[in-house]
Amino acid sequence: MKTDIPEPIFLSAPKAATLCGVSRNTICCWIRDGKLPSYRTAGGKYLIRPVDLISFMQEHSMFVPQALMDIAAEDERAS
């Protein structure tokens, strides 16, 4: 019996920066300061779950684009 394991959706730091309207360096600072939850690849790149980015943006009164809401909804459906 073969089961399909859903793949989670992750955003790269540059993509998250674009969605937040800040620089990639700012996103990396937020991650390093423990303000924005993320995962780190073996190669050292940061990956961010869409729901974590939405929570962070809402907590800091930032505008959450509809595109990010759509990505998060797709991620939730896959889980």
Foldseek 3Di string as FASTA:
>chain_A
DDDDQFDADWDWLCRLCVQQVHHSVVSVVCVVVVLQDWDADPVGTTIHHLVSSVVSCVVVVTDGDPVSVVSNVVRVVRD
